Amino acid sequence: MPVLAAFSPPAALPDAHADDWDARVRALLRPFAARFPQFYDPTVENTPAAAKKATIAWTAFPATLLRTATSQEGRWQRADASPRRAAQDEYCEWSVERNADGKLTSVTFTTELPEYWTHLADTDPDGLLSLYHELVSADVKRADLFDARGKYKPANKWNASTKGRLAHLIQRNNNLSAAVTLVAEATVLRERNGEPVTNKQDLVDCAALGDPFRNSDPQIAAAVNDAAAAGAELTLLDPVGLYIQGLQTTGITAPDGARPATFWKIERGDAKRILRARYSVPADRGYTVGDLKIGGRPLNFGAQLADRVVVKVTALVKPGNHRPRRQPCVA
């Protein structure tokens, strides 16, 4: 592969201002590529044909909530009820809709980057409002999305709740900057008291690469660190972003015997690069998501599906002859 001409919008979405997005991503990667010899910018350095794609995947349900839950139902309830900005920290967030009886009618999942929506707000504010109308609610007003100075508010009232339909990620560690930082810094090998640090949780703790109790951070850090140990160079595959790999529907049953996989609809992206998807039952079937069962238990919470949603990021691993020296843990 030659030098990448430009970074594409997430999932290669059509964007009249794609050059502005390209400039944002370049600006984000530039300091990391300068600081870390084994992390590179594919728009500056060549990616040879021998480079391999490394897909790193994990579960969307927040692993941090597993440590404090007292029961299955307790953790599902807590995950649905807790503020997204506090609890949903696996680069995937969801919100739920219920009918007047409180029964679950839909669950919407997203891995959309807040940086990309800020880019849309800066380059096409009218288009941003139209997108909110299409995906969130026809009642969204421009004043709801921008402050008095005209700056976009990612955690606006329409995108800060676990109820209704969300727009994009807002948790403080769920963004492109955090993902790039993690991948770049994970190219550094570590040691503690003279011994190599290779366990994924220990690596995250030693190198301050995020939260060792998340699903995502240790998984990403370990995969990158292993490749770096072999002397390789790494970057993120274009289009740069976090994506939903899919929903595992085995064990989900419907009252009429319908295939539960048919209720999963991609709303942004494509089958290989899902940015947003919604799980809901068509109205003509006469029942809702809350009438489905998972392993014989009623589907009462969006978190039950989050247990089955898989999130991914893909790195490019370029063969190299680096001989990295292990560094001590971050103080």
C-alpha atoms as a PDB file:
ATOM      1  CA  MET A   1       0.000   0.000   0.000  1.00  0.00           C
ATOM      2  CA  PRO A   2       1.333   3.461  -0.833  1.00  0.00           C
ATOM      3  CA  VAL A   3       1.222   6.458   1.450  1.00  0.00           C
ATOM      4  CA  LEU A   4      -2.423   7.124   2.367  1.00  0.00           C
ATOM      5  CA  ALA A   5      -3.697  10.153   0.451  1.00  0.00           C
ATOM      6  CA  ALA A   6      -6.087  11.293   3.190  1.00  0.00           C
ATOM      7  CA  PHE A   7      -7.942  10.016   6.234  1.00  0.00           C
ATOM      8  CA  SER A   8     -11.522   9.113   5.343  1.00  0.00           C
ATOM      9  CA  PRO A   9     -14.545  10.017   7.486  1.00  0.00           C
ATOM     10  CA  PRO A  10     -15.596   7.215   9.862  1.00  0.00           C
ATOM     11  CA  ALA A  11     -17.014   4.230   7.918  1.00  0.00           C
ATOM     12  CA  ALA A  12     -16.183   6.229   4.763  1.00  0.00           C
ATOM     13  CA  LEU A  13     -19.400   8.236   5.179  1.00  0.00           C
ATOM     14  CA  PRO A  14     -20.051  10.829   2.463  1.00  0.00           C
ATOM     15  CA  ASP A  15     -18.829  14.206   3.678  1.00  0.00           C
ATOM     16  CA  ALA A  16     -18.513  17.376   1.613  1.00  0.00           C
ATOM     17  CA  HIS A  17     -15.903  18.590   4.077  1.00  0.00           C
ATOM     18  CA  ALA A  18     -13.829  15.419   4.298  1.00  0.00           C
ATOM     19  CA  ASP A  19     -10.634  17.447   3.869  1.00  0.00           C
ATOM     20  CA  ASP A  20     -11.342  19.175   7.187  1.00  0.00           C
ATOM     21  CA  TRP A  21     -11.742  15.802   8.898  1.00  0.00           C
ATOM     22  CA  ASP A  22      -8.489  14.627   7.323  1.00  0.00           C
ATOM     23  CA  ALA A  23      -6.734  17.690   8.766  1.00  0.00           C
ATOM     24  CA  ARG A  24      -8.142  16.962  12.240  1.00  0.00           C
ATOM     25  CA  VAL A  25      -6.926  13.379  12.241  1.00  0.00           C
ATOM     26  CA  ARG A  26      -3.489  14.347  10.911  1.00  0.00           C
ATOM     27  CA  ALA A  27      -3.162  16.953  13.656  1.00  0.00           C
ATOM     28  CA  LEU A  28      -4.074  14.354  16.260  1.00  0.00           C
ATOM     29  CA  LEU A  29      -1.600  11.724  15.030  1.00  0.00           C
ATOM     30  CA  ARG A  30       1.321  14.057  14.275  1.00  0.00           C
ATOM     31  CA  PRO A  31       2.691  14.539  17.821  1.00  0.00           C
ATOM     32  CA  PHE A  32       2.379  10.840  18.648  1.00  0.00           C
ATOM     33  CA  ALA A  33       4.186   9.791  15.461  1.00  0.00           C
ATOM     34  CA  ALA A  34       6.985  12.219  16.351  1.00  0.00           C
ATOM     35  CA  ARG A  35       7.249  10.969  19.928  1.00  0.00           C
ATOM     36  CA  PHE A  36       6.875   7.190  19.528  1.00  0.00           C
ATOM     37  CA  PRO A  37       9.199   5.515  16.975  1.00  0.00           C
ATOM     38  CA  GLN A  38       6.931   2.496  16.573  1.00  0.00           C
ATOM     39  CA  PHE A  39       3.741   4.480  15.940  1.00  0.00           C
ATOM     40  CA  TYR A  40       3.396   6.035  12.490  1.00  0.00           C
ATOM     41  CA  ASP A  41       1.142   8.289  10.423  1.00  0.00           C
ATOM     42  CA  PRO A  42       0.086   6.410   7.249  1.00  0.00           C
ATOM     43  CA  THR A  43      -0.353   9.721   5.380  1.00  0.00           C
ATOM     44  CA  VAL A  44       3.355  10.424   5.929  1.00  0.00           C
ATOM     45  CA  GLU A  45       4.988   6.985   5.899  1.00  0.00           C
ATOM     46  CA  ASN A  46       4.443   4.147   3.473  1.00  0.00           C
ATOM     47  CA  THR A  47       2.460   1.069   4.518  1.00  0.00           C
ATOM     48  CA  PRO A  48       3.981  -1.936   2.686  1.00  0.00           C
ATOM     49  CA  ALA A  49       1.965  -4.797   1.239  1.00  0.00           C
ATOM     50  CA  ALA A  50       3.358  -7.029   4.007  1.00  0.00           C
ATOM     51  CA  ALA A  51       1.490  -5.022   6.641  1.00  0.00           C
ATOM     52  CA  LYS A  52      -1.210  -6.988   8.470  1.00  0.00           C
ATOM     53  CA  LYS A  53      -4.602  -5.902   9.759  1.00  0.00           C
ATOM     54  CA  ALA A  54      -5.052  -6.693  13.444  1.00  0.00           C
ATOM     55  CA  THR A  55      -8.650  -6.505  14.637  1.00  0.00           C
ATOM     56  CA  ILE A  56      -8.989  -6.115  18.406  1.00  0.00           C
ATOM     57  CA  ALA A  57     -12.445  -6.865  19.831  1.00  0.00           C
ATOM     58  CA  TRP A  58     -14.187  -6.717  23.206  1.00  0.00           C
ATOM     59  CA  THR A  59     -17.639  -6.721  24.822  1.00  0.00           C
ATOM     60  CA  ALA A  60     -19.642  -3.490  25.059  1.00  0.00           C
ATOM     61  CA  PHE A  61     -20.939  -4.070  28.594  1.00  0.00           C
ATOM     62  CA  PRO A  62     -18.747  -2.077  31.049  1.00  0.00           C
ATOM     63  CA  ALA A  63     -16.417  -4.493  32.830  1.00  0.00           C
ATOM     64  CA  THR A  64     -16.032  -1.965  35.658  1.00  0.00           C
ATOM     65  CA  LEU A  65     -19.663  -2.591  36.667  1.00  0.00           C
ATOM     66  CA  LEU A  66     -19.028  -6.315  37.041  1.00  0.00           C
ATOM     67  CA  ARG A  67     -16.825  -5.653  40.064  1.00  0.00           C
ATOM     68  CA  THR A  68     -19.580  -4.061  42.141  1.00  0.00           C
ATOM     69  CA  ALA A  69     -22.710  -5.867  40.938  1.00  0.00           C
ATOM     70  CA  THR A  70     -24.550  -8.096  43.396  1.00  0.00           C
ATOM     71  CA  SER A  71     -26.655  -9.915  40.777  1.00  0.00           C
ATOM     72  CA  GLN A  72     -27.163 -10.229  37.036  1.00  0.00           C
ATOM     73  CA  GLU A  73     -30.324  -8.159  37.105  1.00  0.00           C
ATOM     74  CA  GLY A  74     -28.666  -5.646  39.415  1.00  0.00           C
ATOM     75  CA  ARG A  75     -25.813  -4.964  37.031  1.00  0.00           C
ATOM     76  CA  TRP A  76     -28.152  -4.686  34.021  1.00  0.00           C
ATOM     77  CA  GLN A  77     -30.388  -2.260  35.855  1.00  0.00           C
ATOM     78  CA  ARG A  78     -27.449  -0.215  37.054  1.00  0.00           C
ATOM     79  CA  ALA A  79     -25.895  -0.051  33.577  1.00  0.00           C
ATOM     80  CA  ASP A  80     -29.154   1.203  32.037  1.00  0.00           C
ATOM     81  CA  ALA A  81     -29.842   3.702  34.804  1.00  0.00           C
ATOM     82  CA  SER A  82     -26.347   5.119  35.400  1.00  0.00           C
ATOM     83  CA  PRO A  83     -25.297   8.248  33.481  1.00  0.00           C
ATOM     84  CA  ARG A  84     -23.600   7.262  30.233  1.00  0.00           C
ATOM     85  CA  ARG A  85     -20.767   9.674  30.985  1.00  0.00           C
ATOM     86  CA  ALA A  86     -19.964   7.700  34.122  1.00  0.00           C
ATOM     87  CA  ALA A  87     -20.682   4.069  33.333  1.00  0.00           C
ATOM     88  CA  GLN A  88     -20.627   3.224  29.623  1.00  0.00           C
ATOM     89  CA  ASP A  89     -16.863   3.286  29.143  1.00  0.00           C
ATOM     90  CA  GLU A  90     -16.100   0.618  26.515  1.00  0.00           C
ATOM     91  CA  TYR A  91     -16.093   2.915  23.431  1.00  0.00           C
ATOM     92  CA  CYS A  92     -19.739   1.952  22.973  1.00  0.00           C
ATOM     93  CA  GLU A  93     -22.789   3.597  24.499  1.00  0.00           C
ATOM     94  CA  TRP A  94     -26.481   2.801  24.357  1.00  0.00           C
ATOM     95  CA  SER A  95     -29.870   4.248  25.250  1.00  0.00           C
ATOM     96  CA  VAL A  96     -33.294   2.658  25.554  1.00  0.00           C
ATOM     97  CA  GLU A  97     -36.910   3.420  24.700  1.00  0.00           C
ATOM     98  CA  ARG A  98     -39.923   2.043  26.583  1.00  0.00           C
ATOM     99  CA  ASN A  99     -43.680   2.165  26.017  1.00  0.00           C
ATOM    100  CA  ALA A 100     -46.278   3.537  28.413  1.00  0.00           C
ATOM    101  CA  ASP A 101     -46.253   0.245  30.321  1.00  0.00           C
ATOM    102  CA  GLY A 102     -42.503   0.475  30.846  1.00  0.00           C
ATOM    103  CA  LYS A 103     -41.763  -2.395  28.475  1.00  0.00           C
ATOM    104  CA  LEU A 104     -38.557  -2.161  26.433  1.00  0.00           C
ATOM    105  CA  THR A 105     -39.257  -1.222  22.806  1.00  0.00           C
ATOM    106  CA  SER A 106     -35.810  -0.444  21.387  1.00  0.00           C
ATOM    107  CA  VAL A 107     -32.116  -0.152  22.212  1.00  0.00           C
ATOM    108  CA  THR A 108     -29.754   2.045  20.193  1.00  0.00           C
ATOM    109  CA  PHE A 109     -25.981   1.465  20.258  1.00  0.00           C
ATOM    110  CA  THR A 110     -23.297   3.791  18.943  1.00  0.00           C
ATOM    111  CA  THR A 111     -19.517   4.032  18.652  1.00  0.00           C
ATOM    112  CA  GLU A 112     -19.632   7.388  16.845  1.00  0.00           C
ATOM    113  CA  LEU A 113     -16.743   9.658  17.745  1.00  0.00           C
ATOM    114  CA  PRO A 114     -17.564  12.991  19.423  1.00  0.00           C
ATOM    115  CA  GLU A 115     -14.694  14.527  17.425  1.00  0.00           C
ATOM    116  CA  TYR A 116     -16.476  13.696  14.176  1.00  0.00           C
ATOM    117  CA  TRP A 117     -19.742  15.263  15.315  1.00  0.00           C
ATOM    118  CA  THR A 118     -17.838  18.365  16.406  1.00  0.00           C
ATOM    119  CA  HIS A 119     -16.330  18.404  12.918  1.00  0.00           C
ATOM    120  CA  LEU A 120     -19.861  18.250  11.452  1.00  0.00           C
ATOM    121  CA  ALA A 121     -20.960  21.089  13.729  1.00  0.00           C
ATOM    122  CA  ASP A 122     -18.037  23.237  12.572  1.00  0.00           C
ATOM    123  CA  THR A 123     -18.364  22.520   8.854  1.00  0.00           C
ATOM    124  CA  ASP A 124     -22.091  21.926   8.332  1.00  0.00           C
ATOM    125  CA  PRO A 125     -24.268  22.974  11.308  1.00  0.00           C
ATOM    126  CA  ASP A 126     -27.463  22.677   9.261  1.00  0.00           C
ATOM    127  CA  GLY A 127     -26.498  19.145   8.286  1.00  0.00           C
ATOM    128  CA  LEU A 128     -25.792  18.342  11.917  1.00  0.00           C
ATOM    129  CA  LEU A 129     -29.284  19.481  12.913  1.00  0.00           C
ATOM    130  CA  SER A 130     -30.796  17.381  10.122  1.00  0.00           C
ATOM    131  CA  LEU A 131     -28.854  14.364  11.392  1.00  0.00           C
ATOM    132  CA  TYR A 132     -30.258  14.882  14.890  1.00  0.00           C
ATOM    133  CA  HIS A 133     -33.741  15.079  13.382  1.00  0.00           C
ATOM    134  CA  GLU A 134     -33.176  11.838  11.477  1.00  0.00           C
ATOM    135  CA  LEU A 135     -31.532   9.800  14.247  1.00  0.00           C
ATOM    136  CA  VAL A 136     -32.645  11.311  17.556  1.00  0.00           C
ATOM    137  CA  SER A 137     -35.836  13.384  17.428  1.00  0.00           C
ATOM    138  CA  ALA A 138     -37.708  15.752  15.149  1.00  0.00           C
ATOM    139  CA  ASP A 139     -38.069  18.049  18.174  1.00  0.00           C
ATOM    140  CA  VAL A 140     -34.357  18.915  18.393  1.00  0.00           C
ATOM    141  CA  LYS A 141     -33.735  22.629  17.945  1.00  0.00           C
ATOM    142  CA  ARG A 142     -30.520  24.312  16.865  1.00  0.00           C
ATOM    143  CA  ALA A 143     -30.356  26.188  20.179  1.00  0.00           C
ATOM    144  CA  ASP A 144     -30.296  22.812  21.969  1.00  0.00           C
ATOM    145  CA  LEU A 145     -27.028  21.881  20.275  1.00  0.00           C
ATOM    146  CA  PHE A 146     -24.967  25.078  20.421  1.00  0.00           C
ATOM    147  CA  ASP A 147     -24.035  27.425  23.236  1.00  0.00           C
ATOM    148  CA  ALA A 148     -24.335  31.215  23.138  1.00  0.00           C
ATOM    149  CA  ARG A 149     -20.990  31.475  21.324  1.00  0.00           C
ATOM    150  CA  GLY A 150     -22.046  29.017  18.655  1.00  0.00           C
ATOM    151  CA  LYS A 151     -19.928  26.157  19.986  1.00  0.00           C
ATOM    152  CA  TYR A 152     -21.314  22.637  19.722  1.00  0.00           C
ATOM    153  CA  LYS A 153     -22.320  20.929  22.985  1.00  0.00           C
ATOM    154  CA  PRO A 154     -21.653  17.165  22.635  1.00  0.00           C
ATOM    155  CA  ALA A 155     -23.406  16.380  25.931  1.00  0.00           C
ATOM    156  CA  ASN A 156     -26.516  18.399  25.053  1.00  0.00           C
ATOM    157  CA  LYS A 157     -29.883  17.461  26.554  1.00  0.00           C
ATOM    158  CA  TRP A 158     -30.696  15.176  23.612  1.00  0.00           C
ATOM    159  CA  ASN A 159     -27.412  13.294  23.833  1.00  0.00           C
ATOM    160  CA  ALA A 160     -26.825  13.040  27.574  1.00  0.00           C
ATOM    161  CA  SER A 161     -29.492  10.549  28.586  1.00  0.00           C
ATOM    162  CA  THR A 162     -29.808   6.770  28.700  1.00  0.00           C
ATOM    163  CA  LYS A 163     -33.429   7.180  27.556  1.00  0.00           C
ATOM    164  CA  GLY A 164     -34.601   7.841  24.018  1.00  0.00           C
ATOM    165  CA  ARG A 165     -32.163   7.785  21.110  1.00  0.00           C
ATOM    166  CA  LEU A 166     -28.617   8.987  21.605  1.00  0.00           C
ATOM    167  CA  ALA A 167     -26.456  10.664  18.947  1.00  0.00           C
ATOM    168  CA  HIS A 168     -22.817   9.803  19.685  1.00  0.00           C
ATOM    169  CA  LEU A 169     -20.300   8.938  22.406  1.00  0.00           C
ATOM    170  CA  ILE A 170     -19.892  11.327  25.345  1.00  0.00           C
ATOM    171  CA  GLN A 171     -18.079   9.338  28.066  1.00  0.00           C
ATOM    172  CA  ARG A 172     -14.781  11.134  28.738  1.00  0.00           C
ATOM    173  CA  ASN A 173     -12.618   8.175  27.642  1.00  0.00           C
ATOM    174  CA  ASN A 174     -14.788   7.239  24.659  1.00  0.00           C
ATOM    175  CA  ASN A 175     -13.173   9.319  21.941  1.00  0.00           C
ATOM    176  CA  LEU A 176     -10.602   9.181  19.157  1.00  0.00           C
ATOM    177  CA  SER A 177      -7.998  11.049  21.169  1.00  0.00           C
ATOM    178  CA  ALA A 178      -8.120   8.409  23.917  1.00  0.00           C
ATOM    179  CA  ALA A 179      -7.863   5.557  21.404  1.00  0.00           C
ATOM    180  CA  VAL A 180      -4.888   7.084  19.572  1.00  0.00           C
ATOM    181  CA  THR A 181      -3.138   7.858  22.857  1.00  0.00           C
ATOM    182  CA  LEU A 182      -3.639   4.275  24.026  1.00  0.00           C
ATOM    183  CA  VAL A 183      -2.313   2.713  20.808  1.00  0.00           C
ATOM    184  CA  ALA A 184       0.696   5.027  20.564  1.00  0.00           C
ATOM    185  CA  GLU A 185       1.723   4.705  24.204  1.00  0.00           C
ATOM    186  CA  ALA A 186       1.201   0.925  24.170  1.00  0.00           C
ATOM    187  CA  THR A 187       4.068   0.609  21.660  1.00  0.00           C
ATOM    188  CA  VAL A 188       6.449   1.192  24.599  1.00  0.00           C
ATOM    189  CA  LEU A 189       7.555  -2.019  26.335  1.00  0.00           C
ATOM    190  CA  ARG A 190       7.521  -1.953  30.130  1.00  0.00           C
ATOM    191  CA  GLU A 191       9.279  -3.589  33.057  1.00  0.00           C
ATOM    192  CA  ARG A 192       8.702  -3.621  36.791  1.00  0.00           C
ATOM    193  CA  ASN A 193      11.569  -4.358  39.177  1.00  0.00           C
ATOM    194  CA  GLY A 194      13.607  -5.617  36.244  1.00  0.00           C
ATOM    195  CA  GLU A 195      10.917  -8.060  35.082  1.00  0.00           C
ATOM    196  CA  PRO A 196       9.018  -7.677  31.778  1.00  0.00           C
ATOM    197  CA  VAL A 197       5.390  -6.620  32.154  1.00  0.00           C
ATOM    198  CA  THR A 198       3.306  -8.689  29.729  1.00  0.00           C
ATOM    199  CA  ASN A 199       0.009  -9.417  31.532  1.00  0.00           C
ATOM    200  CA  LYS A 200      -2.570  -7.121  29.951  1.00  0.00           C
ATOM    201  CA  GLN A 201      -4.026  -5.721  33.177  1.00  0.00           C
ATOM    202  CA  ASP A 202      -0.548  -5.228  34.647  1.00  0.00           C
ATOM    203  CA  LEU A 203       0.563  -3.496  31.449  1.00  0.00           C
ATOM    204  CA  VAL A 204      -2.288  -0.980  31.588  1.00  0.00           C
ATOM    205  CA  ASP A 205      -1.553  -0.303  35.253  1.00  0.00           C
ATOM    206  CA  CYS A 206       2.218  -0.048  34.769  1.00  0.00           C
ATOM    207  CA  ALA A 207       2.063   2.225  31.724  1.00  0.00           C
ATOM    208  CA  ALA A 208      -0.997   4.266  32.829  1.00  0.00           C
ATOM    209  CA  LEU A 209      -2.809   3.236  29.651  1.00  0.00           C
ATOM    210  CA  GLY A 210      -6.331   3.666  30.998  1.00  0.00           C
ATOM    211  CA  ASP A 211      -8.344   1.468  33.318  1.00  0.00           C
ATOM    212  CA  PRO A 212      -7.064  -2.097  33.859  1.00  0.00           C
ATOM    213  CA  PHE A 213     -10.604  -3.165  34.760  1.00  0.00           C
ATOM    214  CA  ARG A 214     -12.144  -2.181  31.415  1.00  0.00           C
ATOM    215  CA  ASN A 215     -12.611  -4.702  28.621  1.00  0.00           C
ATOM    216  CA  SER A 216     -11.160  -2.415  25.968  1.00  0.00           C
ATOM    217  CA  ASP A 217      -7.994  -0.851  27.361  1.00  0.00           C
ATOM    218  CA  PRO A 218      -6.159  -4.055  28.375  1.00  0.00           C
ATOM    219  CA  GLN A 219      -7.198  -5.830  25.158  1.00  0.00           C
ATOM    220  CA  ILE A 220      -5.923  -3.008  22.930  1.00  0.00           C
ATOM    221  CA  ALA A 221      -2.765  -2.398  24.952  1.00  0.00           C
ATOM    222  CA  ALA A 222      -1.725  -6.056  24.999  1.00  0.00           C
ATOM    223  CA  ALA A 223      -2.229  -6.565  21.258  1.00  0.00           C
ATOM    224  CA  VAL A 224      -0.257  -3.438  20.388  1.00  0.00           C
ATOM    225  CA  ASN A 225       2.491  -4.194  22.910  1.00  0.00           C
ATOM    226  CA  ASP A 226       2.967  -7.728  21.573  1.00  0.00           C
ATOM    227  CA  ALA A 227       3.411  -6.431  18.025  1.00  0.00           C
ATOM    228  CA  ALA A 228       5.799  -3.726  19.184  1.00  0.00           C
ATOM    229  CA  ALA A 229       7.875  -6.322  21.053  1.00  0.00           C
ATOM    230  CA  ALA A 230       8.468  -8.050  17.701  1.00  0.00           C
ATOM    231  CA  GLY A 231       9.914  -4.807  16.303  1.00  0.00           C
ATOM    232  CA  ALA A 232       6.870  -3.792  14.249  1.00  0.00           C
ATOM    233  CA  GLU A 233       5.386  -0.328  13.707  1.00  0.00           C
ATOM    234  CA  LEU A 234       1.673   0.299  14.129  1.00  0.00           C
ATOM    235  CA  THR A 235      -1.079   2.717  13.245  1.00  0.00           C
ATOM    236  CA  LEU A 236      -4.879   2.699  13.041  1.00  0.00           C
ATOM    237  CA  LEU A 237      -6.556   1.407   9.897  1.00  0.00           C
ATOM    238  CA  ASP A 238      -8.376   3.965   7.759  1.00  0.00           C
ATOM    239  CA  PRO A 239     -11.203   4.920   8.148  1.00  0.00           C
ATOM    240  CA  VAL A 240      -9.994   5.589  11.675  1.00  0.00           C
ATOM    241  CA  GLY A 241     -12.670   4.877  14.257  1.00  0.00           C
ATOM    242  CA  LEU A 242     -14.265   2.499  16.725  1.00  0.00           C
ATOM    243  CA  TYR A 243     -16.842   0.154  15.260  1.00  0.00           C
ATOM    244  CA  ILE A 244     -19.522  -2.314  16.335  1.00  0.00           C
ATOM    245  CA  GLN A 245     -18.567  -5.755  15.088  1.00  0.00           C
ATOM    246  CA  GLY A 246     -22.052  -7.149  15.651  1.00  0.00           C
ATOM    247  CA  LEU A 247     -24.663  -8.542  18.018  1.00  0.00           C
ATOM    248  CA  GLN A 248     -24.647 -12.182  19.108  1.00  0.00           C
ATOM    249  CA  THR A 249     -28.290 -13.304  18.981  1.00  0.00           C
ATOM    250  CA  THR A 250     -27.873 -16.976  19.895  1.00  0.00           C
ATOM    251  CA  GLY A 251     -30.214 -17.762  22.800  1.00  0.00           C
ATOM    252  CA  ILE A 252     -32.638 -14.910  22.057  1.00  0.00           C
ATOM    253  CA  THR A 253     -36.164 -16.124  21.343  1.00  0.00           C
ATOM    254  CA  ALA A 254     -39.297 -14.378  20.033  1.00  0.00           C
ATOM    255  CA  PRO A 255     -42.946 -15.222  20.871  1.00  0.00           C
ATOM    256  CA  ASP A 256     -43.723 -16.054  17.226  1.00  0.00           C
ATOM    257  CA  GLY A 257     -40.469 -17.873  16.508  1.00  0.00           C
ATOM    258  CA  ALA A 258     -39.041 -15.034  14.396  1.00  0.00           C
ATOM    259  CA  ARG A 259     -35.278 -14.864  13.889  1.00  0.00           C
ATOM    260  CA  PRO A 260     -33.990 -12.355  16.490  1.00  0.00           C
ATOM    261  CA  ALA A 261     -31.120 -11.304  14.209  1.00  0.00           C
ATOM    262  CA  THR A 262     -33.634  -9.634  11.872  1.00  0.00           C
ATOM    263  CA  PHE A 263     -34.468  -7.041  14.553  1.00  0.00           C
ATOM    264  CA  TRP A 264     -30.906  -5.617  14.422  1.00  0.00           C
ATOM    265  CA  LYS A 265     -30.756  -2.676  12.003  1.00  0.00           C
ATOM    266  CA  ILE A 266     -27.625  -0.744  11.018  1.00  0.00           C
ATOM    267  CA  GLU A 267     -28.384   2.991  10.974  1.00  0.00           C
ATOM    268  CA  ARG A 268     -24.886   4.385  10.284  1.00  0.00           C
ATOM    269  CA  GLY A 269     -21.968   2.706   8.550  1.00  0.00           C
ATOM    270  CA  ASP A 270     -22.069  -0.699   6.884  1.00  0.00           C
ATOM    271  CA  ALA A 271     -21.933  -4.378   7.850  1.00  0.00           C
ATOM    272  CA  LYS A 272     -18.132  -4.304   8.224  1.00  0.00           C
ATOM    273  CA  ARG A 273     -17.963  -0.895   9.916  1.00  0.00           C
ATOM    274  CA  ILE A 274     -21.054  -0.361  12.040  1.00  0.00           C
ATOM    275  CA  LEU A 275     -21.181   3.029  13.735  1.00  0.00           C
ATOM    276  CA  ARG A 276     -24.756   2.906  14.940  1.00  0.00           C
ATOM    277  CA  ALA A 277     -27.375   0.164  15.176  1.00  0.00           C
ATOM    278  CA  ARG A 278     -30.833  -0.174  16.693  1.00  0.00           C
ATOM    279  CA  TYR A 279     -32.577  -3.248  18.053  1.00  0.00           C
ATOM    280  CA  SER A 280     -36.359  -3.081  17.773  1.00  0.00           C
ATOM    281  CA  VAL A 281     -39.283  -5.264  16.710  1.00  0.00           C
ATOM    282  CA  PRO A 282     -41.368  -4.105  13.711  1.00  0.00           C
ATOM    283  CA  ALA A 283     -44.760  -2.807  14.866  1.00  0.00           C
ATOM    284  CA  ASP A 284     -46.674  -5.218  12.640  1.00  0.00           C
ATOM    285  CA  ARG A 285     -45.503  -8.182  14.722  1.00  0.00           C
ATOM    286  CA  GLY A 286     -47.647  -7.090  17.652  1.00  0.00           C
ATOM    287  CA  TYR A 287     -44.999  -7.369  20.372  1.00  0.00           C
ATOM    288  CA  THR A 288     -41.910  -5.491  21.545  1.00  0.00           C
ATOM    289  CA  VAL A 289     -38.290  -6.145  22.503  1.00  0.00           C
ATOM    290  CA  GLY A 290     -39.506  -6.607  26.072  1.00  0.00           C
ATOM    291  CA  ASP A 291     -41.426  -9.708  24.961  1.00  0.00           C
ATOM    292  CA  LEU A 292     -38.249 -11.408  23.783  1.00  0.00           C
ATOM    293  CA  LYS A 293     -36.278 -13.714  26.057  1.00  0.00           C
ATOM    294  CA  ILE A 294     -32.557 -14.325  26.477  1.00  0.00           C
ATOM    295  CA  GLY A 295     -31.750 -17.718  27.883  1.00  0.00           C
ATOM    296  CA  GLY A 296     -35.329 -17.956  29.090  1.00  0.00           C
ATOM    297  CA  ARG A 297     -35.246 -14.598  30.914  1.00  0.00           C
ATOM    298  CA  PRO A 298     -37.317 -11.598  29.749  1.00  0.00           C
ATOM    299  CA  LEU A 299     -35.357  -8.945  27.868  1.00  0.00           C
ATOM    300  CA  ASN A 300     -35.962  -6.042  30.245  1.00  0.00           C
ATOM    301  CA  PHE A 301     -32.737  -4.026  29.877  1.00  0.00           C
ATOM    302  CA  GLY A 302     -30.596  -2.672  27.090  1.00  0.00           C
ATOM    303  CA  ALA A 303     -27.614  -3.903  29.090  1.00  0.00           C
ATOM    304  CA  GLN A 304     -28.663  -7.497  28.383  1.00  0.00           C
ATOM    305  CA  LEU A 305     -27.941  -6.804  24.729  1.00  0.00           C
ATOM    306  CA  ALA A 306     -24.765  -4.882  25.614  1.00  0.00           C
ATOM    307  CA  ASP A 307     -23.498  -8.195  27.032  1.00  0.00           C
ATOM    308  CA  ARG A 308     -23.731  -9.497  23.465  1.00  0.00           C
ATOM    309  CA  VAL A 309     -22.550  -6.497  21.448  1.00  0.00           C
ATOM    310  CA  VAL A 310     -18.938  -6.740  20.279  1.00  0.00           C
ATOM    311  CA  VAL A 311     -16.872  -3.591  19.661  1.00  0.00           C
ATOM    312  CA  LYS A 312     -13.667  -3.441  17.638  1.00  0.00           C
ATOM    313  CA  VAL A 313     -10.769  -1.320  16.493  1.00  0.00           C
ATOM    314  CA  THR A 314      -8.368  -2.344  13.741  1.00  0.00           C
ATOM    315  CA  ALA A 315      -4.654  -1.622  13.710  1.00  0.00           C
ATOM    316  CA  LEU A 316      -2.185  -1.889  10.856  1.00  0.00           C
ATOM    317  CA  VAL A 317       1.001  -3.732  11.804  1.00  0.00           C
ATOM    318  CA  LYS A 318       3.967  -2.865   9.597  1.00  0.00           C
ATOM    319  CA  PRO A 319       7.005  -5.179   9.789  1.00  0.00           C
ATOM    320  CA  GLY A 320      10.007  -3.427  11.285  1.00  0.00           C
ATOM    321  CA  ASN A 321      13.415  -4.034  12.775  1.00  0.00           C
ATOM    322  CA  HIS A 322      13.076  -1.977  15.939  1.00  0.00           C
ATOM    323  CA  ARG A 323      14.784  -3.304  19.041  1.00  0.00           C
ATOM    324  CA  PRO A 324      12.795  -1.578  21.766  1.00  0.00           C
ATOM    325  CA  ARG A 325      14.191  -1.329  25.275  1.00  0.00           C
ATOM    326  CA  ARG A 326      11.820  -1.795  28.164  1.00  0.00           C
ATOM    327  CA  GLN A 327      11.014   1.272  30.195  1.00  0.00           C
ATOM    328  CA  PRO A 328      10.077   1.395  33.893  1.00  0.00           C
ATOM    329  CA  CYS A 329       6.476   1.828  34.976  1.00  0.00           C
ATOM    330  CA  VAL A 330       4.959   5.287  34.939  1.00  0.00           C
ATOM    331  CA  ALA A 331       5.149   6.816  38.391  1.00  0.00           C
END
